[in-house]
Amino acid sequence: MARPKAQQPVTAQSFMEALADDFAKHGLDIIEQMREKSPAAYAMLALQAMQAQASGQQIAEARDFMMIAAGLGPR
């Protein structure tokens, strides 16, 4: 059995580039499917996207709102 080639380490920048490429290919359809099929994962994705631009208090409030909306209650 052949060993897999070593992968490059994943950096935040490379991950964001890959995510942007995936979004460019699949657009909003995949996000809509995620929201419908996995609301908790959708809420976490939305929260992570907001973290780059929001203050700590805004993030905490958004996290609590998203967790409640996903049926998981506030943290």
C-alpha atoms as a PDB file:
ATOM      1  CA  MET A   1       0.000   0.000   0.000  1.00  0.00           C
ATOM      2  CA  ALA A   2       1.422   3.377  -1.021  1.00  0.00           C
ATOM      3  CA  ARG A   3       1.834   6.066   1.588  1.00  0.00           C
ATOM      4  CA  PRO A   4       0.044   9.349   0.907  1.00  0.00           C
ATOM      5  CA  LYS A   5       2.175  12.329  -0.027  1.00  0.00           C
ATOM      6  CA  ALA A   6       2.856  14.787   2.758  1.00  0.00           C
ATOM      7  CA  GLN A   7       0.350  17.610   2.749  1.00  0.00           C
ATOM      8  CA  GLN A   8       1.211  21.237   3.194  1.00  0.00           C
ATOM      9  CA  PRO A   9       0.234  22.599   6.615  1.00  0.00           C
ATOM     10  CA  VAL A  10      -3.116  24.339   6.593  1.00  0.00           C
ATOM     11  CA  THR A  11      -2.885  28.003   7.456  1.00  0.00           C
ATOM     12  CA  ALA A  12      -5.760  30.390   8.085  1.00  0.00           C
ATOM     13  CA  GLN A  13      -4.957  32.113   4.813  1.00  0.00           C
ATOM     14  CA  SER A  14      -4.898  28.897   2.776  1.00  0.00           C
ATOM     15  CA  PHE A  15      -8.144  27.771   4.412  1.00  0.00           C
ATOM     16  CA  MET A  16      -9.865  31.081   3.617  1.00  0.00           C
ATOM     17  CA  GLU A  17      -8.630  30.869   0.007  1.00  0.00           C
ATOM     18  CA  ALA A  18      -9.998  27.332  -0.319  1.00  0.00           C
ATOM     19  CA  LEU A  19     -13.293  28.407   1.234  1.00  0.00           C
ATOM     20  CA  ALA A  20     -13.538  31.339  -1.180  1.00  0.00           C
ATOM     21  CA  ASP A  21     -12.831  28.991  -4.110  1.00  0.00           C
ATOM     22  CA  ASP A  22     -15.518  26.589  -2.891  1.00  0.00           C
ATOM     23  CA  PHE A  23     -17.999  29.440  -2.531  1.00  0.00           C
ATOM     24  CA  ALA A  24     -17.148  30.671  -6.036  1.00  0.00           C
ATOM     25  CA  LYS A  25     -17.929  27.204  -7.415  1.00  0.00           C
ATOM     26  CA  HIS A  26     -21.083  26.442  -5.423  1.00  0.00           C
ATOM     27  CA  GLY A  27     -22.413  29.838  -4.390  1.00  0.00           C
ATOM     28  CA  LEU A  28     -25.267  30.328  -2.004  1.00  0.00           C
ATOM     29  CA  ASP A  29     -26.842  26.935  -2.691  1.00  0.00           C
ATOM     30  CA  ILE A  30     -24.523  25.109  -0.308  1.00  0.00           C
ATOM     31  CA  ILE A  31     -24.997  27.693   2.433  1.00  0.00           C
ATOM     32  CA  GLU A  32     -28.776  27.418   2.093  1.00  0.00           C
ATOM     33  CA  GLN A  33     -28.545  23.621   2.278  1.00  0.00           C
ATOM     34  CA  MET A  34     -26.349  23.878   5.352  1.00  0.00           C
ATOM     35  CA  ARG A  35     -28.805  26.221   7.043  1.00  0.00           C
ATOM     36  CA  GLU A  36     -31.692  23.832   6.376  1.00  0.00           C
ATOM     37  CA  LYS A  37     -29.939  20.527   7.119  1.00  0.00           C
ATOM     38  CA  SER A  38     -27.551  21.523   9.890  1.00  0.00           C
ATOM     39  CA  PRO A  39     -28.611  24.748  11.624  1.00  0.00           C
ATOM     40  CA  ALA A  40     -26.003  24.386  14.387  1.00  0.00           C
ATOM     41  CA  ALA A  41     -23.162  24.110  11.865  1.00  0.00           C
ATOM     42  CA  TYR A  42     -24.638  27.040   9.929  1.00  0.00           C
ATOM     43  CA  ALA A  43     -24.751  29.115  13.123  1.00  0.00           C
ATOM     44  CA  MET A  44     -21.125  28.303  13.896  1.00  0.00           C
ATOM     45  CA  LEU A  45     -20.036  29.213  10.361  1.00  0.00           C
ATOM     46  CA  ALA A  46     -21.894  32.514  10.579  1.00  0.00           C
ATOM     47  CA  LEU A  47     -20.366  33.257  13.972  1.00  0.00           C
ATOM     48  CA  GLN A  48     -16.866  32.516  12.735  1.00  0.00           C
ATOM     49  CA  ALA A  49     -17.390  34.767   9.725  1.00  0.00           C
ATOM     50  CA  MET A  50     -18.554  37.581  11.997  1.00  0.00           C
ATOM     51  CA  GLN A  51     -15.606  37.232  14.366  1.00  0.00           C
ATOM     52  CA  ALA A  52     -13.302  38.816  11.827  1.00  0.00           C
ATOM     53  CA  GLN A  53     -15.273  42.066  11.908  1.00  0.00           C
ATOM     54  CA  ALA A  54     -17.070  42.344  15.231  1.00  0.00           C
ATOM     55  CA  SER A  55     -16.140  43.345  18.771  1.00  0.00           C
ATOM     56  CA  GLY A  56     -16.063  40.827  21.613  1.00  0.00           C
ATOM     57  CA  GLN A  57     -19.462  41.904  22.984  1.00  0.00           C
ATOM     58  CA  GLN A  58     -21.083  41.721  19.538  1.00  0.00           C
ATOM     59  CA  ILE A  59     -19.656  38.245  19.049  1.00  0.00           C
ATOM     60  CA  ALA A  60     -20.985  37.031  22.419  1.00  0.00           C
ATOM     61  CA  GLU A  61     -24.451  38.403  21.669  1.00  0.00           C
ATOM     62  CA  ALA A  62     -24.460  36.919  18.157  1.00  0.00           C
ATOM     63  CA  ARG A  63     -23.234  33.550  19.490  1.00  0.00           C
ATOM     64  CA  ASP A  64     -26.027  33.415  22.066  1.00  0.00           C
ATOM     65  CA  PHE A  65     -28.634  34.371  19.470  1.00  0.00           C
ATOM     66  CA  MET A  66     -27.382  31.765  16.991  1.00  0.00           C
ATOM     67  CA  MET A  67     -27.221  29.024  19.597  1.00  0.00           C
ATOM     68  CA  ILE A  68     -30.792  29.759  20.664  1.00  0.00           C
ATOM     69  CA  ALA A  69     -31.921  29.858  17.025  1.00  0.00           C
ATOM     70  CA  ALA A  70     -30.222  26.477  16.454  1.00  0.00           C
ATOM     71  CA  GLY A  71     -32.073  25.045  19.445  1.00  0.00           C
ATOM     72  CA  LEU A  72     -28.932  24.642  21.524  1.00  0.00           C
ATOM     73  CA  GLY A  73     -29.484  27.415  24.075  1.00  0.00           C
ATOM     74  CA  PRO A  74     -26.935  30.056  25.081  1.00  0.00           C
ATOM     75  CA  ARG A  75     -23.448  29.096  26.213  1.00  0.00           C
END
